[in-house]
Amino acid sequence: VDAWTAGHRARSAAGEAHPVEDFLFTYYSLRPSQLRRWHPGADVVLLGGAAAERLRWRWYQEVRTSEGDTGVAIDLDAYVEQRGAAAQRTLRLLRATAERAPRLGCFGLHEWAMVYRADRRRHERWPLRLGQAGTDRVVEQGPLRCTHYDAFRFFTPDARPRNDRVLAREDQVAREQPGCLHATMDLYKWAYKLGPVVPSELTADCFALAREVRELDMRASPYDLSDLGLTPVPVELPSGRAEYVALQRAFTERGQALRARLIAVCDGVLRGVGAPLR
């Protein structure tokens, strides 16, 4: 985690930005210092003097093991009382997404739709590979098949009607599907939003996958990021679309495995109030 966050921490100190790598720290709300803090998960008792430090952290409490040792563990009853509803919502979304067949025909055009006929762009420093007119033509040739609300909401006003469906926040559970790159990146969000009940190893695995997915997300975007060493995936061409789908399929499989692990943790937390600790 130190290695993964080093670049962002150095850029933050220098007042610099990276359009690809900083996304996981600017769009997502977990700070690097929080990502670097290790949590063992919901059913583990930590022993030893260093464990007592965690009594100052939220959700941790002093417990006594069956062997009579004093340790520190997550107060699962308090967690479920205060965060149980949010965990239920997360579990419902994860399960619905996991059970849905992946759709692999979007070709990453959500990033193109975000700059369609736009006067301003999020990444003003970086030019469009095809220019504004060429970028607009790719969107108009379509099709736009975005299924992820948090990508769709950044579409320009002219791009939104071109999507094959209008997306709304309340439809997220019904629309989210595992082939979407942003749904795969969001596994990291759900891991950290569930807080310390998710083992940090799982949160780190979700973060690591999100880093890889974000790189493809921007390689397939309309931006020219060659100065950053990122080779474009030209989704405006049949060869680029085939490359994108192949990479998307591999990420989908890896994301489904992490999604299953998150479902198991979430389900266990909601079922395990008062369960024995180890």
C-alpha atoms as a PDB file:
ATOM      1  CA  VAL A   1       0.000   0.000   0.000  1.00  0.00           C
ATOM      2  CA  ASP A   2       2.899   2.354   0.702  1.00  0.00           C
ATOM      3  CA  ALA A   3       4.179   1.747  -2.821  1.00  0.00           C
ATOM      4  CA  TRP A   4       0.719   2.228  -4.361  1.00  0.00           C
ATOM      5  CA  THR A   5       0.160   5.550  -2.578  1.00  0.00           C
ATOM      6  CA  ALA A   6       3.701   6.974  -2.771  1.00  0.00           C
ATOM      7  CA  GLY A   7       3.197   8.742  -6.103  1.00  0.00           C
ATOM      8  CA  HIS A   8      -0.038  10.398  -5.052  1.00  0.00           C
ATOM      9  CA  ARG A   9       1.406  11.495  -1.704  1.00  0.00           C
ATOM     10  CA  ALA A  10       4.432  13.030  -3.421  1.00  0.00           C
ATOM     11  CA  ARG A  11       2.275  14.808  -6.009  1.00  0.00           C
ATOM     12  CA  SER A  12      -0.054  16.141  -3.327  1.00  0.00           C
ATOM     13  CA  ALA A  13       2.893  17.610  -1.448  1.00  0.00           C
ATOM     14  CA  ALA A  14       4.148  19.231  -4.660  1.00  0.00           C
ATOM     15  CA  GLY A  15       0.729  20.450  -5.792  1.00  0.00           C
ATOM     16  CA  GLU A  16       0.788  18.252  -8.899  1.00  0.00           C
ATOM     17  CA  ALA A  17      -1.819  15.924 -10.401  1.00  0.00           C
ATOM     18  CA  HIS A  18      -1.959  12.762 -12.514  1.00  0.00           C
ATOM     19  CA  PRO A  19      -5.122  12.203 -14.621  1.00  0.00           C
ATOM     20  CA  VAL A  20      -5.019   8.414 -14.232  1.00  0.00           C
ATOM     21  CA  GLU A  21      -3.448   7.474 -10.907  1.00  0.00           C
ATOM     22  CA  ASP A  22      -4.961  10.222  -8.740  1.00  0.00           C
ATOM     23  CA  PHE A  23      -8.528   9.200  -9.621  1.00  0.00           C
ATOM     24  CA  LEU A  24      -8.579   6.566  -6.879  1.00  0.00           C
ATOM     25  CA  PHE A  25      -7.814   9.271  -4.292  1.00  0.00           C
ATOM     26  CA  THR A  26      -9.902  12.144  -5.667  1.00  0.00           C
ATOM     27  CA  TYR A  27     -13.074  10.467  -6.945  1.00  0.00           C
ATOM     28  CA  TYR A  28     -13.046   7.959  -4.074  1.00  0.00           C
ATOM     29  CA  SER A  29     -13.048   9.375  -0.556  1.00  0.00           C
ATOM     30  CA  LEU A  30     -10.629   7.124   1.350  1.00  0.00           C
ATOM     31  CA  ARG A  31      -7.417   8.940   2.230  1.00  0.00           C
ATOM     32  CA  PRO A  32      -4.045   7.228   1.729  1.00  0.00           C
ATOM     33  CA  SER A  33      -3.479   7.258   5.491  1.00  0.00           C
ATOM     34  CA  GLN A  34      -6.733   5.343   5.962  1.00  0.00           C
ATOM     35  CA  LEU A  35      -5.863   2.828   3.243  1.00  0.00           C
ATOM     36  CA  ARG A  36      -2.516   2.238   4.965  1.00  0.00           C
ATOM     37  CA  ARG A  37      -4.255   1.348   8.260  1.00  0.00           C
ATOM     38  CA  TRP A  38      -4.571  -2.415   8.657  1.00  0.00           C
ATOM     39  CA  HIS A  39      -7.775  -4.089   9.893  1.00  0.00           C
ATOM     40  CA  PRO A  40      -7.983  -7.855  10.508  1.00  0.00           C
ATOM     41  CA  GLY A  41     -11.734  -8.184   9.891  1.00  0.00           C
ATOM     42  CA  ALA A  42     -14.868  -8.636  11.949  1.00  0.00           C
ATOM     43  CA  ASP A  43     -14.204 -11.942  13.706  1.00  0.00           C
ATOM     44  CA  VAL A  44     -10.589 -11.565  14.883  1.00  0.00           C
ATOM     45  CA  VAL A  45      -9.270 -10.765  18.366  1.00  0.00           C
ATOM     46  CA  LEU A  46      -5.924  -8.960  18.452  1.00  0.00           C
ATOM     47  CA  LEU A  47      -3.687  -9.743  21.424  1.00  0.00           C
ATOM     48  CA  GLY A  48      -0.653  -7.969  22.818  1.00  0.00           C
ATOM     49  CA  GLY A  49       0.150  -4.488  24.005  1.00  0.00           C
ATOM     50  CA  ALA A  50       0.020  -2.874  20.572  1.00  0.00           C
ATOM     51  CA  ALA A  51      -3.585  -3.990  20.132  1.00  0.00           C
ATOM     52  CA  ALA A  52      -4.734  -1.655  22.919  1.00  0.00           C
ATOM     53  CA  GLU A  53      -3.961   1.326  20.692  1.00  0.00           C
ATOM     54  CA  ARG A  54      -7.015   0.397  18.639  1.00  0.00           C
ATOM     55  CA  LEU A  55      -9.345   1.190  21.514  1.00  0.00           C
ATOM     56  CA  ARG A  56      -9.019   4.793  20.297  1.00  0.00           C
ATOM     57  CA  TRP A  57     -10.273   3.737  16.839  1.00  0.00           C
ATOM     58  CA  ARG A  58     -13.938   3.663  15.945  1.00  0.00           C
ATOM     59  CA  TRP A  59     -15.755   0.326  16.332  1.00  0.00           C
ATOM     60  CA  TYR A  60     -13.034  -1.416  18.377  1.00  0.00           C
ATOM     61  CA  GLN A  61     -13.648  -2.660  21.924  1.00  0.00           C
ATOM     62  CA  GLU A  62     -11.882  -4.663  24.616  1.00  0.00           C
ATOM     63  CA  VAL A  63     -12.921  -8.337  24.738  1.00  0.00           C
ATOM     64  CA  ARG A  64     -11.961 -11.484  26.624  1.00  0.00           C
ATOM     65  CA  THR A  65     -11.267 -14.697  24.750  1.00  0.00           C
ATOM     66  CA  SER A  66     -12.481 -18.141  25.802  1.00  0.00           C
ATOM     67  CA  GLU A  67      -8.936 -18.804  27.066  1.00  0.00           C
ATOM     68  CA  GLY A  68      -9.197 -15.820  29.385  1.00  0.00           C
ATOM     69  CA  ASP A  69      -6.910 -13.495  27.434  1.00  0.00           C
ATOM     70  CA  THR A  70      -7.777  -9.815  27.089  1.00  0.00           C
ATOM     71  CA  GLY A  71      -7.709  -8.486  23.561  1.00  0.00           C
ATOM     72  CA  VAL A  72      -9.252  -6.022  21.143  1.00  0.00           C
ATOM     73  CA  ALA A  73     -11.869  -6.732  18.464  1.00  0.00           C
ATOM     74  CA  ILE A  74     -14.561  -4.980  16.460  1.00  0.00           C
ATOM     75  CA  ASP A  75     -17.801  -4.357  18.337  1.00  0.00           C
ATOM     76  CA  LEU A  76     -19.950  -6.119  15.762  1.00  0.00           C
ATOM     77  CA  ASP A  77     -23.212  -5.511  17.608  1.00  0.00           C
ATOM     78  CA  ALA A  78     -22.613  -1.743  17.634  1.00  0.00           C
ATOM     79  CA  TYR A  79     -21.466  -1.796  14.021  1.00  0.00           C
ATOM     80  CA  VAL A  80     -24.596  -3.573  12.798  1.00  0.00           C
ATOM     81  CA  GLU A  81     -26.818  -1.333  14.882  1.00  0.00           C
ATOM     82  CA  GLN A  82     -25.349   1.802  13.301  1.00  0.00           C
ATOM     83  CA  ARG A  83     -24.228   0.568   9.863  1.00  0.00           C
ATOM     84  CA  GLY A  84     -26.444  -2.450   9.282  1.00  0.00           C
ATOM     85  CA  ALA A  85     -28.837  -0.689   6.898  1.00  0.00           C
ATOM     86  CA  ALA A  86     -25.957   0.533   4.733  1.00  0.00           C
ATOM     87  CA  ALA A  87     -24.429  -2.942   4.743  1.00  0.00           C
ATOM     88  CA  GLN A  88     -27.774  -4.406   3.644  1.00  0.00           C
ATOM     89  CA  ARG A  89     -27.963  -1.950   0.735  1.00  0.00           C
ATOM     90  CA  THR A  90     -24.420  -2.792  -0.295  1.00  0.00           C
ATOM     91  CA  LEU A  91     -25.105  -6.516  -0.090  1.00  0.00           C
ATOM     92  CA  ARG A  92     -28.234  -6.139  -2.216  1.00  0.00           C
ATOM     93  CA  LEU A  93     -26.293  -4.280  -4.926  1.00  0.00           C
ATOM     94  CA  LEU A  94     -23.370  -6.711  -4.876  1.00  0.00           C
ATOM     95  CA  ARG A  95     -25.637  -9.739  -5.161  1.00  0.00           C
ATOM     96  CA  ALA A  96     -27.746  -8.264  -7.951  1.00  0.00           C
ATOM     97  CA  THR A  97     -24.628  -7.350  -9.921  1.00  0.00           C
ATOM     98  CA  ALA A  98     -22.995 -10.740  -9.363  1.00  0.00           C
ATOM     99  CA  GLU A  99     -26.056 -12.598 -10.616  1.00  0.00           C
ATOM    100  CA  ARG A 100     -26.403 -10.572 -13.808  1.00  0.00           C
ATOM    101  CA  ALA A 101     -24.782 -11.577 -17.105  1.00  0.00           C
ATOM    102  CA  PRO A 102     -21.954  -9.206 -18.071  1.00  0.00           C
ATOM    103  CA  ARG A 103     -22.537  -6.773 -20.924  1.00  0.00           C
ATOM    104  CA  LEU A 104     -19.347  -6.165 -22.902  1.00  0.00           C
ATOM    105  CA  GLY A 105     -20.565  -3.893 -25.687  1.00  0.00           C
ATOM    106  CA  CYS A 106     -20.032  -0.413 -24.240  1.00  0.00           C
ATOM    107  CA  PHE A 107     -16.448  -0.101 -25.563  1.00  0.00           C
ATOM    108  CA  GLY A 108     -15.557   2.470 -22.913  1.00  0.00           C
ATOM    109  CA  LEU A 109     -17.463   5.237 -24.664  1.00  0.00           C
ATOM    110  CA  HIS A 110     -18.593   6.739 -21.355  1.00  0.00           C
ATOM    111  CA  GLU A 111     -15.398   8.829 -21.280  1.00  0.00           C
ATOM    112  CA  TRP A 112     -16.149  10.053 -24.798  1.00  0.00           C
ATOM    113  CA  ALA A 113     -19.698  10.969 -23.795  1.00  0.00           C
ATOM    114  CA  MET A 114     -18.281  13.100 -20.979  1.00  0.00           C
ATOM    115  CA  VAL A 115     -16.611  15.424 -23.513  1.00  0.00           C
ATOM    116  CA  TYR A 116     -19.204  15.258 -26.309  1.00  0.00           C
ATOM    117  CA  ARG A 117     -19.793  18.776 -27.667  1.00  0.00           C
ATOM    118  CA  ALA A 118     -18.179  20.095 -24.506  1.00  0.00           C
ATOM    119  CA  ASP A 119     -16.834  23.607 -24.026  1.00  0.00           C
ATOM    120  CA  ARG A 120     -14.696  22.450 -21.103  1.00  0.00           C
ATOM    121  CA  ARG A 121     -13.139  19.114 -20.112  1.00  0.00           C
ATOM    122  CA  ARG A 122     -12.093  17.593 -16.792  1.00  0.00           C
ATOM    123  CA  HIS A 123      -8.558  17.034 -18.081  1.00  0.00           C
ATOM    124  CA  GLU A 124      -7.945  20.316 -19.894  1.00  0.00           C
ATOM    125  CA  ARG A 125      -4.193  19.788 -19.921  1.00  0.00           C
ATOM    126  CA  TRP A 126      -4.465  16.703 -22.138  1.00  0.00           C
ATOM    127  CA  PRO A 127      -5.500  16.946 -25.805  1.00  0.00           C
ATOM    128  CA  LEU A 128      -8.123  14.815 -27.485  1.00  0.00           C
ATOM    129  CA  ARG A 129      -6.547  12.227 -29.795  1.00  0.00           C
ATOM    130  CA  LEU A 130      -9.074  12.890 -32.570  1.00  0.00           C
ATOM    131  CA  GLY A 131      -9.811  16.508 -31.747  1.00  0.00           C
ATOM    132  CA  GLN A 132     -13.238  17.718 -30.693  1.00  0.00           C
ATOM    133  CA  ALA A 133     -14.937  17.098 -34.051  1.00  0.00           C
ATOM    134  CA  GLY A 134     -13.488  13.588 -34.352  1.00  0.00           C
ATOM    135  CA  THR A 135     -14.446  12.767 -30.787  1.00  0.00           C
ATOM    136  CA  ASP A 136     -18.005  13.946 -31.405  1.00  0.00           C
ATOM    137  CA  ARG A 137     -18.250  11.757 -34.509  1.00  0.00           C
ATOM    138  CA  VAL A 138     -17.295   8.641 -32.519  1.00  0.00           C
ATOM    139  CA  VAL A 139     -20.077   9.365 -30.020  1.00  0.00           C
ATOM    140  CA  GLU A 140     -22.578  10.006 -32.798  1.00  0.00           C
ATOM    141  CA  GLN A 141     -21.657   6.728 -34.490  1.00  0.00           C
ATOM    142  CA  GLY A 142     -22.198   5.057 -31.124  1.00  0.00           C
ATOM    143  CA  PRO A 143     -23.844   3.157 -29.765  1.00  0.00           C
ATOM    144  CA  LEU A 144     -23.763   4.386 -26.167  1.00  0.00           C
ATOM    145  CA  ARG A 145     -24.641   1.499 -23.843  1.00  0.00           C
ATOM    146  CA  CYS A 146     -23.599   2.742 -20.420  1.00  0.00           C
ATOM    147  CA  THR A 147     -25.182   0.900 -17.467  1.00  0.00           C
ATOM    148  CA  HIS A 148     -23.395   2.714 -14.620  1.00  0.00           C
ATOM    149  CA  TYR A 149     -25.191   5.694 -13.131  1.00  0.00           C
ATOM    150  CA  ASP A 150     -22.051   7.276 -11.660  1.00  0.00           C
ATOM    151  CA  ALA A 151     -20.508   7.393 -15.136  1.00  0.00           C
ATOM    152  CA  PHE A 152     -23.738   8.429 -16.857  1.00  0.00           C
ATOM    153  CA  ARG A 153     -24.246  11.405 -14.552  1.00  0.00           C
ATOM    154  CA  PHE A 154     -21.066  12.972 -15.977  1.00  0.00           C
ATOM    155  CA  PHE A 155     -22.272  12.734 -19.579  1.00  0.00           C
ATOM    156  CA  THR A 156     -22.712  16.099 -21.248  1.00  0.00           C
ATOM    157  CA  PRO A 157     -26.339  17.197 -21.715  1.00  0.00           C
ATOM    158  CA  ASP A 158     -26.110  16.422 -25.425  1.00  0.00           C
ATOM    159  CA  ALA A 159     -24.740  12.922 -24.779  1.00  0.00           C
ATOM    160  CA  ARG A 160     -27.329  11.719 -22.256  1.00  0.00           C
ATOM    161  CA  PRO A 161     -30.186  11.248 -24.750  1.00  0.00           C
ATOM    162  CA  ARG A 162     -27.843   9.170 -26.933  1.00  0.00           C
ATOM    163  CA  ASN A 163     -27.464   6.463 -24.292  1.00  0.00           C
ATOM    164  CA  ASP A 164     -29.656   3.413 -24.919  1.00  0.00           C
ATOM    165  CA  ARG A 165     -31.398   4.109 -21.614  1.00  0.00           C
ATOM    166  CA  VAL A 166     -31.731   6.973 -19.160  1.00  0.00           C
ATOM    167  CA  LEU A 167     -30.133   5.981 -15.860  1.00  0.00           C
ATOM    168  CA  ALA A 168     -31.193   7.096 -12.385  1.00  0.00           C
ATOM    169  CA  ARG A 169     -29.723   6.480  -8.950  1.00  0.00           C
ATOM    170  CA  GLU A 170     -32.793   4.589  -7.787  1.00  0.00           C
ATOM    171  CA  ASP A 171     -32.353   2.111 -10.653  1.00  0.00           C
ATOM    172  CA  GLN A 172     -28.764   1.221  -9.762  1.00  0.00           C
ATOM    173  CA  VAL A 173     -29.548  -2.192  -8.276  1.00  0.00           C
ATOM    174  CA  ALA A 174     -31.596  -3.072 -11.351  1.00  0.00           C
ATOM    175  CA  ARG A 175     -28.993  -1.841 -13.871  1.00  0.00           C
ATOM    176  CA  GLU A 176     -25.520  -2.522 -12.441  1.00  0.00           C
ATOM    177  CA  GLN A 177     -23.754  -5.344 -14.268  1.00  0.00           C
ATOM    178  CA  PRO A 178     -20.355  -6.987 -13.770  1.00  0.00           C
ATOM    179  CA  GLY A 179     -18.937  -6.203 -17.215  1.00  0.00           C
ATOM    180  CA  CYS A 180     -18.820  -2.477 -16.440  1.00  0.00           C
ATOM    181  CA  LEU A 181     -15.321  -1.169 -15.654  1.00  0.00           C
ATOM    182  CA  HIS A 182     -16.693   1.340 -13.173  1.00  0.00           C
ATOM    183  CA  ALA A 183     -18.687  -1.315 -11.348  1.00  0.00           C
ATOM    184  CA  THR A 184     -15.447  -3.266 -10.996  1.00  0.00           C
ATOM    185  CA  MET A 185     -13.568  -0.208  -9.721  1.00  0.00           C
ATOM    186  CA  ASP A 186     -16.384   0.449  -7.265  1.00  0.00           C
ATOM    187  CA  LEU A 187     -15.620  -2.830  -5.493  1.00  0.00           C
ATOM    188  CA  TYR A 188     -12.868  -0.830  -3.803  1.00  0.00           C
ATOM    189  CA  LYS A 189     -15.454   1.748  -2.696  1.00  0.00           C
ATOM    190  CA  TRP A 190     -17.778  -0.857  -1.216  1.00  0.00           C
ATOM    191  CA  ALA A 191     -14.855  -2.514   0.583  1.00  0.00           C
ATOM    192  CA  TYR A 192     -13.760   0.653   2.373  1.00  0.00           C
ATOM    193  CA  LYS A 193     -17.285   1.937   2.986  1.00  0.00           C
ATOM    194  CA  LEU A 194     -18.005  -1.260   4.914  1.00  0.00           C
ATOM    195  CA  GLY A 195     -15.157  -0.130   7.113  1.00  0.00           C
ATOM    196  CA  PRO A 196     -13.063  -2.242   9.437  1.00  0.00           C
ATOM    197  CA  VAL A 197     -15.267  -5.330   9.168  1.00  0.00           C
ATOM    198  CA  VAL A 198     -13.636  -6.007   5.766  1.00  0.00           C
ATOM    199  CA  PRO A 199     -10.115  -7.455   6.139  1.00  0.00           C
ATOM    200  CA  SER A 200      -7.551  -5.062   4.749  1.00  0.00           C
ATOM    201  CA  GLU A 201      -6.186  -7.782   2.493  1.00  0.00           C
ATOM    202  CA  LEU A 202      -9.497  -7.793   0.621  1.00  0.00           C
ATOM    203  CA  THR A 203      -9.668  -4.000   0.473  1.00  0.00           C
ATOM    204  CA  ALA A 204      -6.117  -3.985  -0.914  1.00  0.00           C
ATOM    205  CA  ASP A 205      -7.024  -6.579  -3.549  1.00  0.00           C
ATOM    206  CA  CYS A 206      -9.966  -4.411  -4.642  1.00  0.00           C
ATOM    207  CA  PHE A 207      -7.730  -1.349  -4.773  1.00  0.00           C
ATOM    208  CA  ALA A 208      -5.085  -3.165  -6.818  1.00  0.00           C
ATOM    209  CA  LEU A 209      -7.673  -4.248  -9.391  1.00  0.00           C
ATOM    210  CA  ALA A 210      -9.180  -0.759  -9.509  1.00  0.00           C
ATOM    211  CA  ARG A 211      -5.726   0.665 -10.365  1.00  0.00           C
ATOM    212  CA  GLU A 212      -5.441  -1.639 -13.360  1.00  0.00           C
ATOM    213  CA  VAL A 213      -8.997  -0.979 -14.498  1.00  0.00           C
ATOM    214  CA  ARG A 214      -8.514   2.781 -14.243  1.00  0.00           C
ATOM    215  CA  GLU A 215      -5.528   2.557 -16.568  1.00  0.00           C
ATOM    216  CA  LEU A 216      -7.600   0.775 -19.222  1.00  0.00           C
ATOM    217  CA  ASP A 217     -10.417   3.250 -18.635  1.00  0.00           C
ATOM    218  CA  MET A 218      -8.135   6.117 -19.637  1.00  0.00           C
ATOM    219  CA  ARG A 219      -6.226   4.275 -22.351  1.00  0.00           C
ATOM    220  CA  ALA A 220      -9.603   3.773 -24.054  1.00  0.00           C
ATOM    221  CA  SER A 221     -10.623   7.382 -23.450  1.00  0.00           C
ATOM    222  CA  PRO A 222     -10.487  10.135 -26.086  1.00  0.00           C
ATOM    223  CA  TYR A 223      -7.491  11.749 -24.365  1.00  0.00           C
ATOM    224  CA  ASP A 224      -3.949  11.534 -25.719  1.00  0.00           C
ATOM    225  CA  LEU A 225      -1.953  10.319 -22.702  1.00  0.00           C
ATOM    226  CA  SER A 226       1.062   9.065 -24.646  1.00  0.00           C
ATOM    227  CA  ASP A 227       3.336  11.444 -22.714  1.00  0.00           C
ATOM    228  CA  LEU A 228       2.486   9.376 -19.637  1.00  0.00           C
ATOM    229  CA  GLY A 229       3.556   6.187 -21.400  1.00  0.00           C
ATOM    230  CA  LEU A 230      -0.020   5.018 -21.902  1.00  0.00           C
ATOM    231  CA  THR A 231      -0.671   3.435 -25.288  1.00  0.00           C
ATOM    232  CA  PRO A 232      -4.184   4.206 -26.536  1.00  0.00           C
ATOM    233  CA  VAL A 233      -6.784   1.498 -27.003  1.00  0.00           C
ATOM    234  CA  PRO A 234      -8.437   2.985 -30.125  1.00  0.00           C
ATOM    235  CA  VAL A 235     -12.048   2.033 -29.490  1.00  0.00           C
ATOM    236  CA  GLU A 236     -13.079   4.034 -32.532  1.00  0.00           C
ATOM    237  CA  LEU A 237     -11.624   1.140 -34.604  1.00  0.00           C
ATOM    238  CA  PRO A 238     -12.728  -2.525 -34.768  1.00  0.00           C
ATOM    239  CA  SER A 239      -9.264  -3.650 -33.602  1.00  0.00           C
ATOM    240  CA  GLY A 240      -9.411  -1.361 -30.581  1.00  0.00           C
ATOM    241  CA  ARG A 241     -12.888  -2.517 -29.655  1.00  0.00           C
ATOM    242  CA  ALA A 242     -11.785  -6.139 -29.801  1.00  0.00           C
ATOM    243  CA  GLU A 243      -8.804  -5.352 -27.556  1.00  0.00           C
ATOM    244  CA  TYR A 244     -11.029  -3.481 -25.126  1.00  0.00           C
ATOM    245  CA  VAL A 245     -13.549  -6.329 -24.876  1.00  0.00           C
ATOM    246  CA  ALA A 246     -10.813  -8.900 -24.248  1.00  0.00           C
ATOM    247  CA  LEU A 247      -9.366  -6.844 -21.399  1.00  0.00           C
ATOM    248  CA  GLN A 248     -12.846  -6.037 -20.106  1.00  0.00           C
ATOM    249  CA  ARG A 249     -13.730  -9.732 -19.989  1.00  0.00           C
ATOM    250  CA  ALA A 250     -10.608 -10.550 -17.952  1.00  0.00           C
ATOM    251  CA  PHE A 251     -11.335  -7.735 -15.501  1.00  0.00           C
ATOM    252  CA  THR A 252     -14.932  -8.945 -15.198  1.00  0.00           C
ATOM    253  CA  GLU A 253     -13.797 -12.404 -14.111  1.00  0.00           C
ATOM    254  CA  ARG A 254     -11.397 -10.987 -11.537  1.00  0.00           C
ATOM    255  CA  GLY A 255     -14.029  -8.550 -10.311  1.00  0.00           C
ATOM    256  CA  GLN A 256     -16.585 -11.303  -9.873  1.00  0.00           C
ATOM    257  CA  ALA A 257     -14.164 -13.206  -7.644  1.00  0.00           C
ATOM    258  CA  LEU A 258     -13.643 -10.141  -5.439  1.00  0.00           C
ATOM    259  CA  ARG A 259     -17.375  -9.436  -5.455  1.00  0.00           C
ATOM    260  CA  ALA A 260     -18.011 -12.945  -4.134  1.00  0.00           C
ATOM    261  CA  ARG A 261     -15.532 -12.350  -1.313  1.00  0.00           C
ATOM    262  CA  LEU A 262     -17.207  -9.058  -0.396  1.00  0.00           C
ATOM    263  CA  ILE A 263     -20.631 -10.709  -0.434  1.00  0.00           C
ATOM    264  CA  ALA A 264     -19.367 -13.407   1.936  1.00  0.00           C
ATOM    265  CA  VAL A 265     -17.953 -10.812   4.348  1.00  0.00           C
ATOM    266  CA  CYS A 266     -21.062  -8.646   4.227  1.00  0.00           C
ATOM    267  CA  ASP A 267     -23.397 -11.589   4.682  1.00  0.00           C
ATOM    268  CA  GLY A 268     -21.289 -12.919   7.539  1.00  0.00           C
ATOM    269  CA  VAL A 269     -21.329  -9.582   9.337  1.00  0.00           C
ATOM    270  CA  LEU A 270     -25.089  -9.244   9.070  1.00  0.00           C
ATOM    271  CA  ARG A 271     -25.613 -12.830  10.245  1.00  0.00           C
ATOM    272  CA  GLY A 272     -22.866 -12.928  12.838  1.00  0.00           C
ATOM    273  CA  VAL A 273     -23.904 -10.513  15.561  1.00  0.00           C
ATOM    274  CA  GLY A 274     -22.892 -12.150  18.820  1.00  0.00           C
ATOM    275  CA  ALA A 275     -20.948 -14.945  17.056  1.00  0.00           C
ATOM    276  CA  PRO A 276     -17.776 -16.284  18.723  1.00  0.00           C
ATOM    277  CA  LEU A 277     -14.513 -14.525  17.948  1.00  0.00           C
ATOM    278  CA  ARG A 278     -11.209 -16.151  17.033  1.00  0.00           C
END
